[in-house]
């Protein structure tokens, strides 16, 4: 069993570490922190520079996971990133990875939670230090999964405002602060406070003569 856990830790931790190196250092053809900041900004995250650093470091915790050091805490960071990725990018695409769904992310999460519950095994730094028995077990696995879900929900609520608002008719509209240049039309907000959506009002054009 220890050999299996070692293999699982090294493979899954290596995958996360590689993605972390892409975002943090620009290795392996990655975007680096600047590119990650721009990507998160396009996803409408607040403080995208800070979020880029958090995401990069969280994925880089795969190094700790592979080494079996502070294993459940590394698993927590890895799972948190995956939950946010599923919610913001992959969920609308469905399950299968061939359609850019969340299949792969879910598999990585399952492996991380399983190792957190089972423990890192004999070939780990946690075992060498002597605290692996205190950092593993069923409730560690449950705690990793539950805390990752709650943490991701908090990040999505606080750091990512809604992209669209819904009008009374149920159709998505552009937020009031957005500005769109449309010929012979202008975008204005409703005069009432309860009206959160915008309406398009025709602007008459006067003749020059």
Protein backbone atom coordinates (compact mmCIF):
# COMPACT_ATOMS: atom_id res chain seq x y z
CA UNK A 1 0.00 0.00 0.00
CA UNK A 2 2.85 2.40 0.77
CA UNK A 3 4.21 1.98 -2.76
CA UNK A 4 0.82 2.73 -4.24
CA UNK A 5 0.43 5.86 -2.12
CA UNK A 6 3.91 7.00 -3.09
CA UNK A 7 3.14 6.55 -6.78
CA UNK A 8 -0.20 8.36 -6.45
CA UNK A 9 1.33 11.26 -4.52
CA UNK A 10 4.20 11.75 -6.95
CA UNK A 11 2.00 11.66 -10.07
CA UNK A 12 -0.80 13.89 -8.75
CA UNK A 13 1.60 16.21 -6.93
CA UNK A 14 3.74 16.43 -10.06
CA UNK A 15 0.72 17.44 -12.16
CA UNK A 16 -0.17 20.24 -9.77
CA UNK A 17 3.45 21.34 -9.43
CA UNK A 18 3.82 21.61 -13.20
CA UNK A 19 0.73 23.80 -13.46
CA UNK A 20 1.94 25.88 -10.53
CA UNK A 21 5.31 26.40 -12.22
CA UNK A 22 3.52 27.53 -15.37
CA UNK A 23 1.58 30.20 -13.49
CA UNK A 24 4.24 31.22 -10.99
CA UNK A 25 7.43 31.10 -13.07
CA UNK A 26 6.25 30.86 -16.67
CA UNK A 27 7.88 27.43 -17.08
CA UNK A 28 6.70 24.76 -19.53
CA UNK A 29 5.20 27.37 -21.83
CA UNK A 30 3.07 28.84 -19.07
CA UNK A 31 1.81 32.42 -18.83
CA UNK A 32 3.64 33.38 -15.63
CA UNK A 33 2.08 35.60 -12.99
CA UNK A 34 1.37 38.42 -15.44
CA UNK A 35 -0.48 36.19 -17.86
CA UNK A 36 -2.37 34.50 -15.04
CA UNK A 37 -3.36 37.91 -13.71
CA UNK A 38 -4.80 38.85 -17.09
CA UNK A 39 -6.66 35.55 -17.37
CA UNK A 40 -8.24 35.95 -13.93
CA UNK A 41 -9.11 39.53 -14.76
CA UNK A 42 -10.97 38.31 -17.83
CA UNK A 43 -12.88 35.94 -15.56
CA UNK A 44 -13.98 39.02 -13.59
CA UNK A 45 -12.04 38.30 -10.40
CA UNK A 46 -11.29 41.21 -8.11
CA UNK A 47 -7.61 41.84 -7.26
CA UNK A 48 -6.44 39.59 -10.11
CA UNK A 49 -2.75 40.07 -9.26
CA UNK A 50 -3.30 38.77 -5.73
CA UNK A 51 -5.52 35.96 -6.99
CA UNK A 52 -2.87 34.95 -9.53
CA UNK A 53 -0.30 34.57 -6.76
CA UNK A 54 -2.73 32.59 -4.59
CA UNK A 55 -3.63 30.22 -7.43
CA UNK A 56 0.00 29.71 -8.43
CA UNK A 57 1.12 28.97 -4.87
CA UNK A 58 -1.85 26.68 -4.24
CA UNK A 59 -1.05 24.60 -7.29
CA UNK A 60 2.64 24.62 -6.34
CA UNK A 61 1.68 22.89 -3.08
CA UNK A 62 1.79 19.77 -5.22
CA UNK A 63 5.48 19.70 -4.28
CA UNK A 64 4.50 19.17 -0.63
CA UNK A 65 1.91 16.58 -1.63
CA UNK A 66 4.44 14.61 -3.67
CA UNK A 67 6.93 14.69 -0.80
CA UNK A 68 4.29 13.76 1.74
CA UNK A 69 4.89 16.83 3.87
CA UNK A 70 1.88 18.42 5.59
CA UNK A 71 -0.10 16.21 3.26
CA UNK A 72 -3.71 17.11 4.18
CA UNK A 73 -2.96 20.84 4.04
CA UNK A 74 -1.40 20.48 0.60
CA UNK A 75 -4.45 18.45 -0.44
CA UNK A 76 -6.70 21.25 0.84
CA UNK A 77 -4.98 23.87 -1.31
CA UNK A 78 -5.08 21.62 -4.35
CA UNK A 79 -8.77 20.80 -3.91
CA UNK A 80 -9.68 24.45 -3.35
CA UNK A 81 -8.14 25.42 -6.68
CA UNK A 82 -10.00 22.60 -8.40
CA UNK A 83 -13.37 23.59 -6.95
CA UNK A 84 -12.91 27.18 -8.13
CA UNK A 85 -11.77 25.98 -11.56
CA UNK A 86 -14.79 23.71 -11.90
CA UNK A 87 -17.21 26.46 -10.86
CA UNK A 88 -15.76 29.19 -13.08
CA UNK A 89 -14.55 27.35 -16.17
CA UNK A 90 -15.50 23.70 -16.52
CA UNK A 91 -18.99 23.22 -15.08
CA UNK A 92 -20.88 24.76 -18.06
CA UNK A 93 -19.07 22.32 -20.39
CA UNK A 94 -20.45 19.22 -18.71
CA UNK A 95 -18.61 16.21 -17.30
CA UNK A 96 -16.32 14.87 -20.00
CA UNK A 97 -12.81 16.20 -20.45
CA UNK A 98 -13.09 15.95 -24.23
CA UNK A 99 -15.53 18.88 -24.07
CA UNK A 100 -13.39 20.75 -21.50
CA UNK A 101 -15.62 19.54 -18.68
CA UNK A 102 -14.72 18.87 -15.06
CA UNK A 103 -13.84 15.16 -15.36
CA UNK A 104 -10.08 15.67 -14.95
CA UNK A 105 -10.44 18.18 -12.10
CA UNK A 106 -12.75 15.83 -10.23
CA UNK A 107 -10.27 12.97 -10.62
CA UNK A 108 -7.45 15.05 -9.15
CA UNK A 109 -9.67 16.12 -6.26
CA UNK A 110 -10.65 12.53 -5.53
CA UNK A 111 -6.99 11.46 -5.41
CA UNK A 112 -6.05 14.33 -3.08
CA UNK A 113 -8.93 13.62 -0.69
CA UNK A 114 -8.20 9.89 -0.71
CA UNK A 115 -4.55 10.44 0.25
CA UNK A 116 -5.56 12.92 2.96
CA UNK A 117 -7.85 10.25 4.45
CA UNK A 118 -5.52 7.27 4.02
CA UNK A 119 -2.34 9.12 4.95
CA UNK A 120 0.79 9.67 2.89
CA UNK A 121 2.23 6.25 3.63
CA UNK A 122 5.58 4.97 4.79
CA UNK A 123 7.63 6.81 2.15
CA UNK A 124 6.79 10.36 3.18
CA UNK A 125 8.27 13.20 5.18
CA UNK A 126 5.24 13.17 7.46
CA UNK A 127 6.13 9.61 8.45
CA UNK A 128 9.80 10.55 8.85
CA UNK A 129 8.88 13.37 11.21
CA UNK A 130 6.46 11.11 13.02
CA UNK A 131 3.18 13.00 12.79
CA UNK A 132 1.51 11.16 9.89
CA UNK A 133 -0.90 9.31 12.21
CA UNK A 134 -2.10 12.64 13.58
CA UNK A 135 -2.55 14.10 10.08
CA UNK A 136 -4.60 11.36 8.45
CA UNK A 137 -7.89 9.55 8.84
CA UNK A 138 -11.49 9.69 7.66
CA UNK A 139 -12.22 13.06 9.20
CA UNK A 140 -9.13 14.58 7.66
CA UNK A 141 -10.45 13.55 4.25
CA UNK A 142 -13.93 14.88 5.03
CA UNK A 143 -12.42 18.07 6.41
CA UNK A 144 -10.30 18.63 3.30
CA UNK A 145 -13.30 18.22 1.00
CA UNK A 146 -15.68 20.30 3.10
CA UNK A 147 -13.22 23.12 3.78
CA UNK A 148 -12.22 23.27 0.12
CA UNK A 149 -15.87 23.63 -0.90
CA UNK A 150 -16.56 26.33 1.71
CA UNK A 151 -13.36 28.20 0.92
CA UNK A 152 -14.04 28.14 -2.80
CA UNK A 153 -17.60 29.36 -2.23
CA UNK A 154 -16.26 32.26 -0.16
CA UNK A 155 -13.72 33.18 -2.85
CA UNK A 156 -16.35 33.08 -5.58
CA UNK A 157 -18.76 35.18 -3.52
CA UNK A 158 -16.29 37.84 -2.38
CA UNK A 159 -13.75 37.95 -5.19
CA UNK A 160 -15.95 37.43 -8.22
CA UNK A 161 -18.98 39.72 -8.64
CA UNK A 162 -21.84 38.70 -10.85
CA UNK A 163 -21.16 39.26 -14.52
CA UNK A 164 -24.77 39.82 -15.48
CA UNK A 165 -27.98 41.04 -13.98
CA UNK A 166 -31.43 39.82 -14.84
CA UNK A 167 -34.26 42.06 -15.90
CA UNK A 168 -37.89 41.62 -14.88
CA UNK A 169 -38.53 39.68 -18.03
CA UNK A 170 -35.90 37.11 -17.07
CA UNK A 171 -33.45 38.03 -19.82
CA UNK A 172 -29.79 38.75 -18.95
CA UNK A 173 -28.73 42.33 -19.44
CA UNK A 174 -25.53 44.33 -19.17
CA UNK A 175 -24.71 45.73 -15.69
CA UNK A 176 -25.60 49.42 -15.23
CA UNK A 177 -21.99 50.59 -15.23
CA UNK A 178 -21.20 49.04 -18.58
CA UNK A 179 -21.13 51.28 -21.60
CA UNK A 180 -21.82 50.15 -25.11
CA UNK A 181 -21.51 52.29 -28.18
CA UNK A 182 -24.46 51.63 -30.51
CA UNK A 183 -25.26 53.93 -33.39
CA UNK A 184 -28.30 56.16 -32.74
CA UNK A 185 -28.91 54.48 -29.39
CA UNK A 186 -27.67 55.15 -25.91
CA UNK A 187 -27.65 52.98 -22.80
CA UNK A 188 -29.24 54.51 -19.70
CA UNK A 189 -30.24 53.19 -16.31
CA UNK A 190 -33.83 53.01 -15.15
CA UNK A 191 -34.99 56.00 -13.08
CA UNK A 192 -36.35 53.73 -10.34
CA UNK A 193 -34.20 52.23 -7.63
CA UNK A 194 -35.84 48.84 -7.85
CA UNK A 195 -35.14 48.55 -11.55
CA UNK A 196 -31.66 46.97 -11.60
CA UNK A 197 -31.47 46.21 -15.30
CA UNK A 198 -30.78 48.71 -18.07
CA UNK A 199 -33.04 49.65 -20.93
CA UNK A 200 -32.19 50.76 -24.39
CA UNK A 201 -33.74 54.08 -25.32
CA UNK A 202 -33.86 55.52 -28.77
CA UNK A 203 -32.12 58.85 -29.14
CA UNK A 204 -33.63 61.00 -31.88
CA UNK A 205 -31.28 62.65 -34.33
CA UNK A 206 -31.94 66.26 -35.14
CA UNK A 207 -31.38 67.61 -38.57
CA UNK A 208 -28.54 70.02 -39.21
CA UNK A 209 -30.60 72.28 -41.46
